[in-house]
C-alpha atoms as a PDB file:
ATOM      1  CA  MET A   1     119.644 195.811  94.907  1.00  0.00           C
ATOM      2  CA  ARG A   2     115.837 195.860  95.086  1.00  0.00           C
ATOM      3  CA  ALA A   3     115.858 199.301  93.451  1.00  0.00           C
ATOM      4  CA  LYS A   4     118.060 198.127  90.646  1.00  0.00           C
ATOM      5  CA  ALA A   5     115.768 195.197  90.113  1.00  0.00           C
ATOM      6  CA  LEU A   6     112.774 197.443  89.868  1.00  0.00           C
ATOM      7  CA  VAL A   7     114.507 199.642  87.276  1.00  0.00           C
ATOM      8  CA  LEU A   8     115.182 196.511  85.074  1.00  0.00           C
ATOM      9  CA  VAL A   9     111.498 195.485  84.945  1.00  0.00           C
ATOM     10  CA  SER A  10     109.915 199.076  84.755  1.00  0.00           C
ATOM     11  CA  ALA A  11     108.625 200.482  81.507  1.00  0.00           C
ATOM     12  CA  ASN A  12     109.426 203.948  82.802  1.00  0.00           C
ATOM     13  CA  ARG A  13     112.472 204.666  84.960  1.00  0.00           C
ATOM     14  CA  PRO A  14     111.240 205.156  88.589  1.00  0.00           C
ATOM     15  CA  MET A  15     112.404 207.964  90.772  1.00  0.00           C
ATOM     16  CA  PHE A  16     113.034 206.807  94.273  1.00  0.00           C
ATOM     17  CA  CYS A  17     112.124 208.754  97.337  1.00  0.00           C
ATOM     18  CA  GLY A  18     112.002 208.501 101.114  1.00  0.00           C
ATOM     19  CA  VAL A  19     114.071 205.825 102.863  1.00  0.00           C
ATOM     20  CA  THR A  20     114.897 204.152  99.500  1.00  0.00           C
ATOM     21  CA  ALA A  21     116.469 207.391  98.173  1.00  0.00           C
ATOM     22  CA  ALA A  22     118.210 207.803 101.531  1.00  0.00           C
ATOM     23  CA  ALA A  23     119.798 204.355 101.140  1.00  0.00           C
ATOM     24  CA  ILE A  24     120.887 205.062  97.644  1.00  0.00           C
ATOM     25  CA  GLN A  25     122.453 208.294  98.777  1.00  0.00           C
ATOM     26  CA  GLY A  26     124.385 206.486 101.519  1.00  0.00           C
ATOM     27  CA  LEU A  27     122.425 207.837 104.493  1.00  0.00           C
ATOM     28  CA  PRO A  28     121.950 205.521 107.473  1.00  0.00           C
ATOM     29  CA  CYS A  29     118.445 204.049 107.824  1.00  0.00           C
ATOM     30  CA  LEU A  30     117.391 202.687 111.221  1.00  0.00           C
ATOM     31  CA  ARG A  31     115.020 200.170 109.645  1.00  0.00           C
ATOM     32  CA  ASP A  32     114.386 198.430 106.350  1.00  0.00           C
ATOM     33  CA  ASP A  33     110.642 197.908 105.839  1.00  0.00           C
ATOM     34  CA  GLY A  34     111.355 195.728 102.767  1.00  0.00           C
ATOM     35  CA  LEU A  35     109.584 198.235 100.527  1.00  0.00           C
ATOM     36  CA  LEU A  36     110.593 200.451  97.621  1.00  0.00           C
ATOM     37  CA  HIS A  37     109.371 204.059  97.845  1.00  0.00           C
ATOM     38  CA  VAL A  38     108.885 205.764  94.483  1.00  0.00           C
ATOM     39  CA  LEU A  39     107.320 209.019  93.288  1.00  0.00           C
ATOM     40  CA  CYS A  40     104.347 208.380  90.934  1.00  0.00           C
ATOM     41  CA  PRO A  41     101.978 210.643  88.994  1.00  0.00           C
ATOM     42  CA  ASP A  42      98.328 210.485  90.101  1.00  0.00           C
ATOM     43  CA  ALA A  43      97.242 208.665  86.974  1.00  0.00           C
ATOM     44  CA  ARG A  44      99.642 205.708  87.403  1.00  0.00           C
ATOM     45  CA  PRO A  45      98.044 202.579  88.843  1.00  0.00           C
ATOM     46  CA  SER A  46      99.227 200.825  91.868  1.00  0.00           C
ATOM     47  CA  GLY A  47     102.174 198.424  91.345  1.00  0.00           C
ATOM     48  CA  ALA A  48     103.620 195.439  93.075  1.00  0.00           C
ATOM     49  CA  SER A  49     102.839 194.919  96.737  1.00  0.00           C
ATOM     50  CA  ASP A  50     106.414 195.744  97.729  1.00  0.00           C
ATOM     51  CA  VAL A  51     106.451 199.151  95.934  1.00  0.00           C
ATOM     52  CA  VAL A  52     104.906 202.182  97.721  1.00  0.00           C
ATOM     53  CA  ARG A  53     103.936 204.946  95.264  1.00  0.00           C
ATOM     54  CA  HIS A  54     103.882 208.457  96.644  1.00  0.00           C
ATOM     55  CA  ARG A  55     101.741 210.850  94.679  1.00  0.00           C
ATOM     56  CA  ASP A  56     102.286 214.022  96.609  1.00  0.00           C
ATOM     57  CA  LEU A  57     104.608 216.459  94.762  1.00  0.00           C
ATOM     58  CA  ALA A  58     105.241 213.612  92.214  1.00  0.00           C
ATOM     59  CA  ARG A  59     105.389 215.965  89.283  1.00  0.00           C
ATOM     60  CA  ASP A  60     108.396 217.823  90.430  1.00  0.00           C
ATOM     61  CA  ALA A  61     111.116 216.994  87.831  1.00  0.00           C
ATOM     62  CA  HIS A  62     114.203 217.535  89.979  1.00  0.00           C
ATOM     63  CA  TYR A  63     116.249 214.391  90.605  1.00  0.00           C
ATOM     64  CA  VAL A  64     119.858 213.145  91.039  1.00  0.00           C
ATOM     65  CA  GLU A  65     121.166 209.981  89.434  1.00  0.00           C
ATOM     66  CA  LEU A  66     123.523 207.696  91.435  1.00  0.00           C
ATOM     67  CA  ASP A  67     124.760 204.427  90.017  1.00  0.00           C
ATOM     68  CA  GLY A  68     122.121 204.343  87.447  1.00  0.00           C
ATOM     69  CA  LEU A  69     119.253 205.088  89.893  1.00  0.00           C
ATOM     70  CA  ARG A  70     117.196 208.247  89.886  1.00  0.00           C
ATOM     71  CA  CYS A  71     116.250 209.613  93.237  1.00  0.00           C
ATOM     72  CA  THR A  72     115.138 212.844  94.911  1.00  0.00           C
ATOM     73  CA  PRO A  73     117.806 215.400  95.630  1.00  0.00           C
ATOM     74  CA  LEU A  74     119.452 215.162  99.091  1.00  0.00           C
ATOM     75  CA  ALA A  75     117.489 217.968 100.756  1.00  0.00           C
ATOM     76  CA  ARG A  76     114.177 216.624  99.401  1.00  0.00           C
ATOM     77  CA  THR A  77     115.140 213.139 100.529  1.00  0.00           C
ATOM     78  CA  VAL A  78     115.746 214.387 104.025  1.00  0.00           C
ATOM     79  CA  ALA A  79     112.493 216.244 104.113  1.00  0.00           C
ATOM     80  CA  ASP A  80     110.497 213.224 102.888  1.00  0.00           C
ATOM     81  CA  VAL A  81     112.097 210.886 105.419  1.00  0.00           C
ATOM     82  CA  ALA A  82     111.223 213.500 108.117  1.00  0.00           C
ATOM     83  CA  ARG A  83     107.601 213.357 107.012  1.00  0.00           C
ATOM     84  CA  MET A  84     107.285 209.668 106.409  1.00  0.00           C
ATOM     85  CA  GLU A  85     109.324 208.072 109.166  1.00  0.00           C
ATOM     86  CA  SER A  86     109.675 208.104 113.003  1.00  0.00           C
ATOM     87  CA  ARG A  87     111.442 210.887 114.772  1.00  0.00           C
ATOM     88  CA  ASP A  88     114.470 208.670 115.426  1.00  0.00           C
ATOM     89  CA  ALA A  89     114.814 207.748 111.750  1.00  0.00           C
ATOM     90  CA  ALA A  90     114.190 211.332 110.633  1.00  0.00           C
ATOM     91  CA  VAL A  91     116.783 212.886 112.885  1.00  0.00           C
ATOM     92  CA  THR A  92     119.349 210.178 112.084  1.00  0.00           C
ATOM     93  CA  VAL A  93     119.038 210.788 108.335  1.00  0.00           C
ATOM     94  CA  ALA A  94     119.055 214.540 108.755  1.00  0.00           C
ATOM     95  CA  ASP A  95     122.109 214.410 110.971  1.00  0.00           C
ATOM     96  CA  ALA A  96     124.045 212.337 108.408  1.00  0.00           C
ATOM     97  CA  ALA A  97     123.038 214.707 105.508  1.00  0.00           C
ATOM     98  CA  LEU A  98     124.125 217.733 107.545  1.00  0.00           C
ATOM     99  CA  ARG A  99     127.403 216.004 108.391  1.00  0.00           C
ATOM    100  CA  GLU A 100     128.020 215.349 104.748  1.00  0.00           C
ATOM    101  CA  ARG A 101     127.445 219.007 103.881  1.00  0.00           C
ATOM    102  CA  ALA A 102     128.889 220.866 106.826  1.00  0.00           C
ATOM    103  CA  PHE A 103     131.367 218.678 108.868  1.00  0.00           C
ATOM    104  CA  THR A 104     135.122 218.438 108.291  1.00  0.00           C
ATOM    105  CA  PRO A 105     137.028 215.966 110.496  1.00  0.00           C
ATOM    106  CA  PRO A 106     138.242 215.977 113.158  1.00  0.00           C
ATOM    107  CA  GLY A 107     135.907 218.692 114.537  1.00  0.00           C
ATOM    108  CA  SER A 108     135.178 221.560 112.191  1.00  0.00           C
ATOM    109  CA  TYR A 109     131.427 222.276 111.660  1.00  0.00           C
ATOM    110  CA  ASP A 110     130.275 224.940 109.243  1.00  0.00           C
ATOM    111  CA  LEU A 111     127.189 226.390 110.896  1.00  0.00           C
ATOM    112  CA  ASP A 112     126.309 228.585 107.906  1.00  0.00           C
ATOM    113  CA  ALA A 113     126.460 225.653 105.533  1.00  0.00           C
ATOM    114  CA  ALA A 114     124.360 223.542 107.904  1.00  0.00           C
ATOM    115  CA  GLU A 115     121.756 226.186 108.202  1.00  0.00           C
ATOM    116  CA  ARG A 116     121.559 226.673 104.463  1.00  0.00           C
ATOM    117  CA  PHE A 117     120.940 222.963 103.901  1.00  0.00           C
ATOM    118  CA  ARG A 118     118.393 222.841 106.805  1.00  0.00           C
ATOM    119  CA  GLU A 119     116.443 225.666 105.239  1.00  0.00           C
ATOM    120  CA  GLU A 120     116.565 223.934 101.874  1.00  0.00           C
ATOM    121  CA  ALA A 121     115.074 220.809 103.449  1.00  0.00           C
ATOM    122  CA  LEU A 122     112.520 222.873 105.383  1.00  0.00           C
ATOM    123  CA  ASN A 123     111.359 224.514 102.156  1.00  0.00           C
ATOM    124  CA  TRP A 124     110.554 221.079 100.846  1.00  0.00           C
ATOM    125  CA  THR A 125     108.473 220.241 103.881  1.00  0.00           C
ATOM    126  CA  ARG A 126     106.430 223.484 103.429  1.00  0.00           C
ATOM    127  CA  LEU A 127     105.226 222.269 100.075  1.00  0.00           C
ATOM    128  CA  ALA A 128     103.666 219.184 101.667  1.00  0.00           C
ATOM    129  CA  THR A 129     100.460 218.847 103.591  1.00  0.00           C
ATOM    130  CA  ARG A 130     100.864 215.579 105.506  1.00  0.00           C
ATOM    131  CA  ARG A 131     103.033 215.498 108.645  1.00  0.00           C
ATOM    132  CA  ARG A 132     104.611 218.799 107.862  1.00  0.00           C
ATOM    133  CA  HIS A 133     104.956 219.975 111.482  1.00  0.00           C
ATOM    134  CA  ALA A 134     106.495 216.730 112.623  1.00  0.00           C
ATOM    135  CA  ALA A 135     109.045 216.993 109.851  1.00  0.00           C
ATOM    136  CA  GLU A 136     109.872 220.592 110.789  1.00  0.00           C
ATOM    137  CA  ARG A 137     110.469 219.594 114.392  1.00  0.00           C
ATOM    138  CA  ALA A 138     112.758 216.783 113.357  1.00  0.00           C
ATOM    139  CA  LEU A 139     114.763 218.949 111.004  1.00  0.00           C
ATOM    140  CA  THR A 140     115.114 221.606 113.734  1.00  0.00           C
ATOM    141  CA  LEU A 141     116.672 219.027 116.087  1.00  0.00           C
ATOM    142  CA  ALA A 142     119.204 217.779 113.439  1.00  0.00           C
ATOM    143  CA  ASP A 143     122.938 218.406 113.976  1.00  0.00           C
ATOM    144  CA  GLY A 144     125.685 217.179 111.602  1.00  0.00           C
ATOM    145  CA  ARG A 145     128.208 216.811 114.487  1.00  0.00           C
ATOM    146  CA  ALA A 146     126.613 213.445 115.309  1.00  0.00           C
ATOM    147  CA  GLN A 147     128.969 210.743 113.972  1.00  0.00           C
ATOM    148  CA  LEU A 148     126.763 207.662 114.155  1.00  0.00           C
ATOM    149  CA  PRO A 149     123.078 206.847 114.188  1.00  0.00           C
ATOM    150  CA  GLY A 150     123.456 205.836 117.853  1.00  0.00           C
ATOM    151  CA  GLU A 151     124.657 209.275 118.667  1.00  0.00           C
ATOM    152  CA  SER A 152     121.640 210.780 116.887  1.00  0.00           C
ATOM    153  CA  VAL A 153     119.181 208.632 118.864  1.00  0.00           C
ATOM    154  CA  SER A 154     121.169 209.174 122.079  1.00  0.00           C
ATOM    155  CA  ARG A 155     120.710 212.942 121.722  1.00  0.00           C
ATOM    156  CA  LEU A 156     116.959 212.601 121.415  1.00  0.00           C
ATOM    157  CA  ARG A 157     116.841 210.315 124.530  1.00  0.00           C
ATOM    158  CA  LEU A 158     118.867 212.897 126.475  1.00  0.00           C
ATOM    159  CA  LEU A 159     116.489 215.674 125.514  1.00  0.00           C
ATOM    160  CA  ASP A 160     113.505 213.491 126.432  1.00  0.00           C
ATOM    161  CA  LEU A 161     115.050 212.956 129.819  1.00  0.00           C
ATOM    162  CA  GLY A 162     115.250 216.650 130.501  1.00  0.00           C
ATOM    163  CA  PHE A 163     118.949 217.299 129.913  1.00  0.00           C
ATOM    164  CA  ALA A 164     119.920 220.567 128.243  1.00  0.00           C
ATOM    165  CA  PRO A 165     120.988 220.184 124.601  1.00  0.00           C
ATOM    166  CA  PRO A 166     124.418 218.508 124.867  1.00  0.00           C
ATOM    167  CA  ALA A 167     127.568 219.814 123.241  1.00  0.00           C
ATOM    168  CA  LEU A 168     128.613 217.410 120.514  1.00  0.00           C
ATOM    169  CA  GLN A 169     132.191 216.220 119.579  1.00  0.00           C
ATOM    170  CA  VAL A 170     133.786 218.199 122.344  1.00  0.00           C
ATOM    171  CA  PRO A 171     137.579 218.614 122.184  1.00  0.00           C
ATOM    172  CA  VAL A 172     139.604 217.873 125.385  1.00  0.00           C
ATOM    173  CA  ALA A 173     143.365 218.432 125.430  1.00  0.00           C
ATOM    174  CA  GLY A 174     145.177 215.189 125.752  1.00  0.00           C
ATOM    175  CA  PRO A 175     148.779 214.228 126.559  1.00  0.00           C
ATOM    176  CA  ARG A 176     151.732 215.136 124.233  1.00  0.00           C
ATOM    177  CA  GLY A 177     149.570 217.593 122.269  1.00  0.00           C
ATOM    178  CA  ASN A 178     146.871 215.118 121.360  1.00  0.00           C
ATOM    179  CA  THR A 179     143.223 216.076 121.243  1.00  0.00           C
ATOM    180  CA  TYR A 180     140.469 213.700 122.514  1.00  0.00           C
ATOM    181  CA  TRP A 181     136.964 214.079 121.034  1.00  0.00           C
ATOM    182  CA  ILE A 182     134.020 213.212 123.243  1.00  0.00           C
ATOM    183  CA  ASP A 183     130.589 212.465 121.934  1.00  0.00           C
ATOM    184  CA  PHE A 184     128.512 214.415 124.352  1.00  0.00           C
ATOM    185  CA  GLY A 185     129.251 217.214 126.801  1.00  0.00           C
ATOM    186  CA  LEU A 186     126.387 217.327 129.437  1.00  0.00           C
ATOM    187  CA  ASP A 187     127.360 220.767 130.617  1.00  0.00           C
ATOM    188  CA  ASP A 188     124.282 221.398 132.615  1.00  0.00           C
ATOM    189  CA  VAL A 189     125.276 218.561 134.953  1.00  0.00           C
ATOM    190  CA  GLY A 190     129.055 218.595 134.543  1.00  0.00           C
ATOM    191  CA  ALA A 191     129.364 215.127 132.862  1.00  0.00           C
ATOM    192  CA  TRP A 192     130.524 213.426 129.770  1.00  0.00           C
ATOM    193  CA  GLY A 193     128.737 210.755 127.723  1.00  0.00           C
ATOM    194  CA  GLU A 194     129.792 208.451 124.881  1.00  0.00           C
ATOM    195  CA  PHE A 195     127.773 206.069 122.715  1.00  0.00           C
ATOM    196  CA  ASP A 196     129.614 202.750 122.174  1.00  0.00           C
ATOM    197  CA  GLY A 197     128.172 200.847 119.179  1.00  0.00           C
ATOM    198  CA  MET A 198     128.756 197.083 118.928  1.00  0.00           C
ATOM    199  CA  LEU A 199     131.292 197.507 116.127  1.00  0.00           C
ATOM    200  CA  LYS A 200     133.183 200.537 117.507  1.00  0.00           C
ATOM    201  CA  TYR A 201     136.299 198.820 118.808  1.00  0.00           C
ATOM    202  CA  ARG A 202     136.487 196.430 115.981  1.00  0.00           C
ATOM    203  CA  ARG A 203     136.301 199.323 113.453  1.00  0.00           C
ATOM    204  CA  LEU A 204     138.871 201.327 115.352  1.00  0.00           C
ATOM    205  CA  ALA A 205     141.173 198.339 115.477  1.00  0.00           C
ATOM    206  CA  THR A 206     140.745 197.674 111.702  1.00  0.00           C
ATOM    207  CA  ASP A 207     141.363 201.291 110.781  1.00  0.00           C
ATOM    208  CA  ALA A 208     144.499 201.510 112.831  1.00  0.00           C
ATOM    209  CA  GLY A 209     145.820 198.007 112.162  1.00  0.00           C
ATOM    210  CA  ARG A 210     145.914 197.082 115.857  1.00  0.00           C
ATOM    211  CA  SER A 211     144.150 194.354 117.912  1.00  0.00           C
ATOM    212  CA  PRO A 212     140.808 195.092 119.554  1.00  0.00           C
ATOM    213  CA  GLN A 213     142.444 194.440 122.956  1.00  0.00           C
ATOM    214  CA  THR A 214     145.056 197.161 122.303  1.00  0.00           C
ATOM    215  CA  VAL A 215     142.302 199.648 121.200  1.00  0.00           C
ATOM    216  CA  VAL A 216     140.312 198.855 124.405  1.00  0.00           C
ATOM    217  CA  GLU A 217     143.361 199.438 126.613  1.00  0.00           C
ATOM    218  CA  GLU A 218     144.059 202.721 124.840  1.00  0.00           C
ATOM    219  CA  GLU A 219     140.428 203.761 125.244  1.00  0.00           C
ATOM    220  CA  LYS A 220     140.598 203.119 128.932  1.00  0.00           C
ATOM    221  CA  ARG A 221     143.716 205.274 129.248  1.00  0.00           C
ATOM    222  CA  ARG A 222     141.871 207.964 127.290  1.00  0.00           C
ATOM    223  CA  GLU A 223     138.927 207.816 129.583  1.00  0.00           C
ATOM    224  CA  ASP A 224     141.086 207.969 132.697  1.00  0.00           C
ATOM    225  CA  TRP A 225     142.914 211.024 131.320  1.00  0.00           C
ATOM    226  CA  ILE A 226     139.572 212.789 130.609  1.00  0.00           C
ATOM    227  CA  ARG A 227     138.194 212.008 134.024  1.00  0.00           C
ATOM    228  CA  GLY A 228     141.295 213.128 135.809  1.00  0.00           C
ATOM    229  CA  THR A 229     141.915 216.353 133.906  1.00  0.00           C
ATOM    230  CA  THR A 230     138.342 217.521 133.774  1.00  0.00           C
ATOM    231  CA  GLN A 231     136.981 216.122 137.074  1.00  0.00           C
ATOM    232  CA  ARG A 232     133.688 215.208 135.387  1.00  0.00           C
ATOM    233  CA  ARG A 233     131.751 212.088 135.638  1.00  0.00           C
ATOM    234  CA  PHE A 234     131.837 209.829 132.520  1.00  0.00           C
ATOM    235  CA  ALA A 235     129.256 207.403 131.296  1.00  0.00           C
ATOM    236  CA  ARG A 236     129.086 204.998 128.293  1.00  0.00           C
ATOM    237  CA  TRP A 237     126.042 203.351 126.791  1.00  0.00           C
ATOM    238  CA  GLY A 238     125.082 201.224 123.793  1.00  0.00           C
ATOM    239  CA  TRP A 239     122.095 200.364 121.628  1.00  0.00           C
ATOM    240  CA  GLU A 240     120.606 198.232 124.357  1.00  0.00           C
ATOM    241  CA  HIS A 241     120.160 201.412 126.496  1.00  0.00           C
ATOM    242  CA  LEU A 242     118.383 203.435 123.783  1.00  0.00           C
ATOM    243  CA  THR A 243     115.145 201.503 123.490  1.00  0.00           C
ATOM    244  CA  ASP A 244     113.480 204.409 125.342  1.00  0.00           C
ATOM    245  CA  ALA A 245     114.421 207.393 127.453  1.00  0.00           C
ATOM    246  CA  ALA A 246     113.783 205.630 130.757  1.00  0.00           C
ATOM    247  CA  THR A 247     116.266 202.855 129.897  1.00  0.00           C
ATOM    248  CA  LEU A 248     118.941 205.373 129.171  1.00  0.00           C
ATOM    249  CA  GLY A 249     117.983 207.344 132.326  1.00  0.00           C
ATOM    250  CA  ARG A 250     118.603 204.279 134.457  1.00  0.00           C
ATOM    251  CA  ARG A 251     122.013 203.666 132.803  1.00  0.00           C
ATOM    252  CA  LEU A 252     123.034 207.328 133.579  1.00  0.00           C
ATOM    253  CA  SER A 253     121.678 207.163 137.088  1.00  0.00           C
ATOM    254  CA  ALA A 254     124.118 204.254 137.773  1.00  0.00           C
ATOM    255  CA  PHE A 255     126.905 206.840 137.083  1.00  0.00           C
ATOM    256  CA  CYS A 256     125.131 209.454 139.280  1.00  0.00           C
ATOM    257  CA  ILE A 257     124.243 211.490 136.171  1.00  0.00           C
ATOM    258  CA  THR A 258     120.665 212.790 136.317  1.00  0.00           C
ATOM    259  CA  PRO A 259     119.052 215.837 134.683  1.00  0.00           C
ATOM    260  CA  GLY A 260     118.982 219.086 136.552  1.00  0.00           C
END
């Protein structure tokens, strides 16, 4: 809405970039700084206090238009967020973009398509001078199999704790020919992990037309089946455990899951 308002009062149509472009393109942003990020030629003066004008690479004419808003192409948007934002925000946006390009539910991931998009984003970072190496590291860590921002941040915390890179969206054979999908396979320590966001069970209930209580009961039966058939430890965590790696580490330790 802020981007549309800016278009209405601008003499020249702005091209949005960074987290503003990411929001326009439907990518999840971990924070809203209340600012609009736009590309601007060097000669343009500074604008309103809530508009951040980025002059690097501003003369590149490539853009996409969504709902009347011009913004940087998806790969460029991902690269710019990786340069401008924190590692958590950068990987979350890159994961979501890779998922859009390479993931087909329930569990098919096109590695070739993912690598083509990653390389396209990396090519954009190589044209920049500021924070290029940080952006390259974030893009290298990205994986489109992450379903939610909490899964993206969880993966970073697990790596910081010293776990091996976890397997993502791991299929486990369920009863009556069903397949259960698990967020994290901590194969180096023989354990499973799942991120439970605050809205998970409410969303599952809404999508399936069932009560939250029924969904929770079914989730408990699912977890019991996975524990029993795989003989692996199983831990769940939420946003409150992702403030830093140590907090998640304490949560996992309560389930006797520690890095090798």
